[in-house]
Amino acid sequence: MIEARGLTKRYGDKTAVDDLSFTVRPGIVTGFLGPNGAGKSTTMRMILGLDRPSAGTVTINGRGYAQHPAPLHEVGALLEAKAIHTGRTAHNHLLALASTTGIPRTRVEEVIDLVGLRSVARKRAGGFSLGMGQRLGIASALLGDPTTLLLDEPVNGLDPEGILWIRNLLKSLAAEGRTVFVSSHLMSEMAQTAEHLIVIGRGRLIADTTVEEFIQRASSNTVKVRSPQASKLRDLLIGPDVAIASSEAGILEVTGLSSDQIGQTAADHGVTLYELAPQQASLEEAFMELTSDSVEYRAPGRPEERTAA
């Protein structure tokens, strides 16, 4: 378990992380989201003791990172996959890590196979592609068989097969009861991997909730209805606090009624339905909406957008 309480980091007059409190629990994959410059990397560095907080505390399983007698056995981390000696082979890189922390050589062989680097294990890491470097970084994080994992952009550079592999790996590690904390900019992937989200913007907490609840917050109560009797159904549904729009013939967009209510009304009056679909925002849409005021780096809009403003 990771617990942050009032975590703050200042660099001169700039506050990168501002009174941040959250808990990352074992047994599920927790996603860590935020716009560029939100303070995600700084937060992860403070969790790992690489940056000292200006205020507040952060512990892993009840202790600061440096207080663990064997940190690599307790916490596995991937912050920068290319932070390796480029002249070493993948095998020797892992062997050097293992030899300094009392990890047997057999574990080195296990993680090489686990991340799919067996065919290039004797090649120098300096010649690795971005995806291969990611796999080696993940192997390093898993080397000590840790109870807690912190991974920053683990799918960066991976091909579709590799993305599916890391998704299944993270889920399986969480299912074993480990704490899995993952940051990513790929919303579609996070939607399929994480169960819980911690979202920050400008160093402050925006949301600490399940993926489902986070999306629900940004979703409108709108139901798409497709029927050959759309006009009749419209007359049956219209009422106080109910809005109905129609973008094309045979399709209604109903706000203010649930899909169950619409379906029951249609059944009671013999109206045929071809489609009855609640409209839910994607994780990306929810993220964009809920962090819109926290974006620090924003590209200039198109000329017509600047003119309109």
Protein backbone atom coordinates (compact mmCIF):
# COMPACT_ATOMS: atom_id res chain seq x y z
CA MET A 1 0.00 0.00 0.00
CA ILE A 2 1.19 3.51 -0.84
CA GLU A 3 -0.02 6.36 1.39
CA ALA A 4 0.63 10.03 0.64
CA ARG A 5 -0.41 12.65 3.18
CA GLY A 6 -0.12 16.37 2.46
CA LEU A 7 2.65 15.68 -0.04
CA THR A 8 4.13 18.94 -1.32
CA LYS A 9 7.14 19.77 -3.48
CA ARG A 10 8.33 23.28 -4.28
CA TYR A 11 11.10 24.38 -6.61
CA GLY A 12 11.75 27.99 -5.72
CA ASP A 13 8.49 29.86 -6.27
CA LYS A 14 6.97 27.01 -8.30
CA THR A 15 4.84 24.38 -6.53
CA ALA A 16 5.01 21.13 -8.49
CA VAL A 17 2.96 19.07 -6.01
CA ASP A 18 0.50 20.82 -3.70
CA ASP A 19 -0.82 19.17 -0.51
CA LEU A 20 -1.50 15.85 -2.24
CA SER A 21 -3.10 13.01 -0.26
CA PHE A 22 -4.14 9.61 -1.60
CA THR A 23 -3.92 5.88 -0.95
CA VAL A 24 -2.97 3.21 -3.49
CA ARG A 25 -4.40 -0.10 -2.31
CA PRO A 26 -3.23 -3.63 -3.09
CA GLY A 27 -5.20 -6.06 -5.22
CA ILE A 28 -6.15 -3.68 -8.03
CA VAL A 29 -4.40 -1.70 -10.76
CA THR A 30 -4.51 2.02 -9.91
CA GLY A 31 -3.99 4.47 -12.76
CA PHE A 32 -2.20 7.77 -12.17
CA LEU A 33 -3.41 10.43 -14.62
CA GLY A 34 -2.85 14.11 -15.23
CA PRO A 35 -1.95 16.57 -17.99
CA ASN A 36 1.71 17.26 -18.80
CA GLY A 37 3.22 19.25 -15.97
CA ALA A 38 0.63 18.04 -13.47
CA GLY A 39 3.28 16.68 -11.07
CA LYS A 40 2.98 12.93 -11.74
CA SER A 41 6.70 12.27 -12.23
CA THR A 42 7.61 14.43 -9.23
CA THR A 43 5.12 12.51 -7.10
CA MET A 44 6.55 9.17 -8.19
CA ARG A 45 10.08 10.37 -7.47
CA MET A 46 9.05 11.38 -3.96
CA ILE A 47 7.43 7.98 -3.39
CA LEU A 48 10.78 6.39 -4.29
CA GLY A 49 12.83 8.79 -2.18
CA LEU A 50 14.53 10.37 -5.20
CA ASP A 51 13.13 13.80 -4.34
CA ARG A 52 12.66 15.07 -0.80
CA PRO A 53 9.17 16.51 -0.10
CA SER A 54 8.97 20.15 0.92
CA ALA A 55 6.14 19.05 3.22
CA GLY A 56 4.07 15.97 3.93
CA THR A 57 4.92 12.29 3.95
CA VAL A 58 4.66 9.26 1.71
CA THR A 59 5.07 5.65 2.79
CA ILE A 60 5.12 2.24 1.14
CA ASN A 61 3.69 -0.49 3.35
CA GLY A 62 4.06 1.78 6.36
CA ARG A 63 7.66 2.91 5.76
CA GLY A 64 9.52 5.44 3.69
CA TYR A 65 11.30 3.86 0.72
CA ALA A 66 14.77 4.26 2.26
CA GLN A 67 13.62 2.70 5.54
CA HIS A 68 13.03 -0.69 3.94
CA PRO A 69 16.00 -2.99 4.60
CA ALA A 70 15.78 -4.42 1.07
CA PRO A 71 13.90 -1.87 -1.07
CA LEU A 72 14.20 -3.79 -4.33
CA HIS A 73 12.38 -6.73 -2.75
CA GLU A 74 9.65 -4.38 -1.52
CA VAL A 75 9.24 -1.96 -4.44
CA GLY A 76 9.83 -2.35 -8.17
CA ALA A 77 9.92 0.81 -10.25
CA LEU A 78 10.14 1.89 -13.87
CA LEU A 79 10.65 5.64 -14.24
CA GLU A 80 13.09 5.81 -17.13
CA ALA A 81 13.57 2.64 -19.15
CA LYS A 82 16.79 3.84 -20.81
CA ALA A 83 18.51 4.54 -17.48
CA ILE A 84 20.84 1.58 -17.98
CA HIS A 85 24.49 1.05 -18.85
CA THR A 86 24.38 0.93 -22.64
CA GLY A 87 27.49 -1.24 -22.87
CA ARG A 88 25.99 -4.04 -20.82
CA THR A 89 23.88 -6.85 -22.16
CA ALA A 90 20.35 -7.22 -20.84
CA HIS A 91 21.47 -10.34 -18.97
CA ASN A 92 24.45 -8.62 -17.34
CA HIS A 93 22.41 -5.55 -16.42
CA LEU A 94 19.94 -7.70 -14.51
CA LEU A 95 22.72 -9.84 -13.07
CA ALA A 96 24.47 -6.74 -11.69
CA LEU A 97 21.24 -5.62 -10.02
CA ALA A 98 20.67 -9.09 -8.60
CA SER A 99 24.20 -9.49 -7.23
CA THR A 100 23.98 -6.26 -5.21
CA THR A 101 20.67 -7.18 -3.57
CA GLY A 102 21.02 -10.89 -2.83
CA ILE A 103 18.76 -12.04 -5.66
CA PRO A 104 19.67 -15.47 -7.12
CA ARG A 105 20.73 -15.90 -10.75
CA THR A 106 17.71 -18.11 -11.32
CA ARG A 107 15.47 -15.08 -10.82
CA VAL A 108 17.37 -13.23 -13.56
CA GLU A 109 16.57 -16.05 -15.98
CA GLU A 110 12.93 -16.03 -14.87
CA VAL A 111 12.33 -12.34 -15.55
CA ILE A 112 14.16 -12.48 -18.89
CA ASP A 113 11.68 -15.11 -20.00
CA LEU A 114 8.77 -13.29 -18.37
CA VAL A 115 9.33 -10.10 -20.39
CA GLY A 116 10.18 -11.89 -23.64
CA LEU A 117 13.85 -10.88 -23.97
CA ARG A 118 15.41 -14.34 -24.17
CA SER A 119 16.46 -13.96 -27.83
CA VAL A 120 18.30 -10.67 -27.16
CA ALA A 121 19.45 -11.28 -23.57
CA ARG A 122 23.14 -11.39 -24.65
CA LYS A 123 22.94 -8.24 -26.77
CA ARG A 124 24.05 -4.82 -25.56
CA ALA A 125 21.21 -2.69 -24.24
CA GLY A 126 22.54 0.35 -26.11
CA GLY A 127 21.26 -1.16 -29.35
CA PHE A 128 17.77 -1.88 -28.04
CA SER A 129 14.69 -0.34 -29.55
CA LEU A 130 12.38 1.72 -27.34
CA GLY A 131 10.07 -1.25 -26.87
CA MET A 132 12.92 -3.60 -25.96
CA GLY A 133 14.22 -1.01 -23.51
CA GLN A 134 10.78 -0.89 -21.90
CA ARG A 135 10.77 -4.66 -21.48
CA LEU A 136 14.20 -4.53 -19.85
CA GLY A 137 13.02 -1.77 -17.53
CA ILE A 138 10.00 -3.84 -16.55
CA ALA A 139 12.27 -6.85 -15.96
CA SER A 140 14.38 -4.70 -13.61
CA ALA A 141 11.26 -3.64 -11.72
CA LEU A 142 10.13 -7.25 -11.32
CA LEU A 143 13.55 -8.64 -10.41
CA GLY A 144 13.06 -8.55 -6.64
CA ASP A 145 9.55 -10.05 -6.86
CA PRO A 146 8.24 -6.90 -5.10
CA THR A 147 4.90 -6.44 -3.38
CA THR A 148 4.58 -2.92 -4.82
CA LEU A 149 5.10 -1.73 -8.40
CA LEU A 150 5.38 1.84 -9.71
CA LEU A 151 5.48 2.09 -13.48
CA ASP A 152 5.68 5.35 -15.43
CA GLU A 153 4.36 4.95 -19.00
CA PRO A 154 5.08 1.18 -19.16
CA VAL A 155 3.51 0.71 -22.63
CA ASN A 156 5.62 3.46 -24.22
CA GLY A 157 7.21 2.05 -27.39
CA LEU A 158 5.50 -1.34 -27.20
CA ASP A 159 3.77 -2.87 -30.20
CA PRO A 160 0.14 -4.11 -29.95
CA GLU A 161 1.26 -7.55 -28.77
CA GLY A 162 3.46 -5.94 -26.13
CA ILE A 163 0.65 -3.67 -24.94
CA LEU A 164 -1.66 -6.65 -24.51
CA TRP A 165 1.11 -8.47 -22.67
CA ILE A 166 1.74 -5.66 -20.16
CA ARG A 167 -2.00 -5.19 -19.64
CA ASN A 168 -2.44 -8.85 -18.72
CA LEU A 169 0.76 -8.82 -16.63
CA LEU A 170 -0.36 -5.87 -14.52
CA LYS A 171 -3.78 -7.38 -13.94
CA SER A 172 -2.26 -10.71 -12.91
CA LEU A 173 0.19 -9.03 -10.51
CA ALA A 174 -2.67 -7.10 -8.90
CA ALA A 175 -4.72 -10.29 -8.67
CA GLU A 176 -1.87 -11.78 -6.59
CA GLY A 177 -2.47 -9.03 -4.03
CA ARG A 178 0.29 -6.64 -5.06
CA THR A 179 0.01 -2.86 -5.16
CA VAL A 180 0.23 -1.70 -8.80
CA PHE A 181 0.49 2.04 -9.52
CA VAL A 182 0.73 3.00 -13.20
CA SER A 183 0.89 6.34 -14.98
CA SER A 184 -0.01 6.60 -18.65
CA HIS A 185 -1.15 9.04 -21.33
CA LEU A 186 -2.93 6.29 -23.26
CA MET A 187 -6.49 6.66 -22.02
CA SER A 188 -7.85 3.78 -24.09
CA GLU A 189 -5.31 1.45 -22.51
CA MET A 190 -5.85 2.75 -18.99
CA ALA A 191 -9.59 2.20 -19.40
CA GLN A 192 -8.91 -1.50 -20.04
CA THR A 193 -6.23 -1.94 -17.36
CA ALA A 194 -7.04 0.15 -14.28
CA GLU A 195 -9.90 -0.26 -11.82
CA HIS A 196 -9.16 2.84 -9.77
CA LEU A 197 -7.85 6.27 -10.76
CA ILE A 198 -5.93 9.03 -9.05
CA VAL A 199 -6.07 12.17 -11.21
CA ILE A 200 -4.07 15.31 -10.52
CA GLY A 201 -3.75 18.71 -12.18
CA ARG A 202 -1.29 21.49 -11.35
CA GLY A 203 -0.07 19.33 -8.48
CA ARG A 204 -3.47 19.03 -6.82
CA LEU A 205 -5.87 16.11 -6.49
CA ILE A 206 -8.76 16.23 -8.97
CA ALA A 207 -10.23 12.76 -8.50
CA ASP A 208 -9.66 9.63 -6.41
CA THR A 209 -12.29 7.21 -7.62
CA THR A 210 -13.09 4.13 -9.66
CA VAL A 211 -12.83 4.25 -13.45
CA GLU A 212 -16.59 3.72 -13.69
CA GLU A 213 -17.41 6.60 -11.36
CA PHE A 214 -14.90 8.89 -13.06
CA ILE A 215 -16.51 8.31 -16.45
CA GLN A 216 -20.00 8.66 -15.01
CA ARG A 217 -19.17 12.12 -13.69
CA ALA A 218 -18.52 13.30 -17.25
CA SER A 219 -21.38 11.43 -18.90
CA SER A 220 -24.67 13.12 -19.67
CA ASN A 221 -27.93 11.35 -18.86
CA THR A 222 -28.69 10.80 -22.54
CA VAL A 223 -30.10 7.70 -24.23
CA LYS A 224 -29.95 7.07 -27.96
CA VAL A 225 -33.14 5.47 -29.30
CA ARG A 226 -33.62 4.11 -32.82
CA SER A 227 -37.16 3.18 -33.83
CA PRO A 228 -39.33 3.07 -36.98
CA GLN A 229 -41.99 4.76 -34.81
CA ALA A 230 -39.78 7.55 -33.50
CA SER A 231 -42.43 10.26 -33.87
CA LYS A 232 -44.97 8.29 -31.85
CA LEU A 233 -42.38 7.52 -29.19
CA ARG A 234 -41.38 11.19 -28.95
CA ASP A 235 -44.98 12.15 -28.15
CA LEU A 236 -45.14 9.45 -25.47
CA LEU A 237 -41.87 10.49 -23.79
CA ILE A 238 -42.08 14.25 -23.84
CA GLY A 239 -42.74 15.83 -20.46
CA PRO A 240 -41.29 17.97 -17.67
CA ASP A 241 -37.48 17.74 -17.36
CA VAL A 242 -37.29 15.60 -20.52
CA ALA A 243 -35.44 16.89 -23.59
CA ILE A 244 -35.56 15.09 -26.93
CA ALA A 245 -33.36 15.85 -29.93
CA SER A 246 -33.25 14.17 -33.32
CA SER A 247 -30.19 14.27 -35.57
CA GLU A 248 -31.77 12.13 -38.29
CA ALA A 249 -34.99 10.33 -39.12
CA GLY A 250 -35.81 7.43 -36.82
CA ILE A 251 -33.31 8.41 -34.12
CA LEU A 252 -34.03 10.20 -30.84
CA GLU A 253 -31.59 11.43 -28.21
CA VAL A 254 -33.47 11.52 -24.94
CA THR A 255 -32.20 13.32 -21.84
CA GLY A 256 -33.97 13.05 -18.50
CA LEU A 257 -35.17 9.44 -18.71
CA SER A 258 -33.31 6.19 -18.14
CA SER A 259 -33.12 3.46 -20.77
CA ASP A 260 -35.35 1.32 -18.54
CA GLN A 261 -38.03 4.01 -18.44
CA ILE A 262 -37.91 4.51 -22.21
CA GLY A 263 -38.00 0.77 -22.89
CA GLN A 264 -40.97 0.27 -20.57
CA THR A 265 -42.91 3.10 -22.20
CA ALA A 266 -42.23 1.68 -25.64
CA ALA A 267 -43.35 -1.80 -24.55
CA ASP A 268 -46.54 -0.46 -22.93
CA HIS A 269 -47.57 1.24 -26.18
CA GLY A 270 -46.38 -1.35 -28.68
CA VAL A 271 -43.53 0.76 -30.09
CA THR A 272 -40.80 -1.22 -31.84
CA LEU A 273 -37.22 -0.42 -30.80
CA TYR A 274 -34.14 -1.17 -32.89
CA GLU A 275 -31.67 0.41 -30.48
CA LEU A 276 -31.72 1.64 -26.89
CA ALA A 277 -28.26 2.79 -25.81
CA PRO A 278 -27.24 4.99 -22.87
CA GLN A 279 -24.57 7.41 -24.07
CA GLN A 280 -21.48 7.23 -21.89
CA ALA A 281 -18.31 9.27 -22.20
CA SER A 282 -15.04 7.48 -22.90
CA LEU A 283 -12.24 7.70 -20.33
CA GLU A 284 -10.44 10.10 -22.65
CA GLU A 285 -13.50 12.36 -22.92
CA ALA A 286 -13.99 12.28 -19.15
CA PHE A 287 -10.31 13.08 -18.59
CA MET A 288 -10.36 16.00 -21.03
CA GLU A 289 -13.47 17.46 -19.44
CA LEU A 290 -12.42 17.11 -15.81
CA THR A 291 -8.83 18.36 -16.35
CA SER A 292 -9.59 21.17 -18.79
CA ASP A 293 -8.87 23.84 -16.18
CA SER A 294 -5.62 22.18 -15.11
CA VAL A 295 -3.77 22.01 -18.43
CA GLU A 296 -0.49 23.89 -18.05
CA TYR A 297 0.86 23.44 -21.58
CA ARG A 298 -1.70 24.13 -24.28
CA ALA A 299 -1.05 24.48 -28.00
CA PRO A 300 -2.53 27.59 -29.64
CA GLY A 301 -5.92 27.02 -31.27
CA ARG A 302 -6.74 27.24 -34.93
CA PRO A 303 -7.04 30.76 -36.35
CA GLU A 304 -10.85 30.66 -36.28
CA GLU A 305 -10.77 29.59 -32.62
CA ARG A 306 -8.51 32.51 -31.69
CA THR A 307 -10.71 34.90 -33.63
CA ALA A 308 -13.85 33.59 -31.90
CA ALA A 309 -12.20 34.06 -28.53
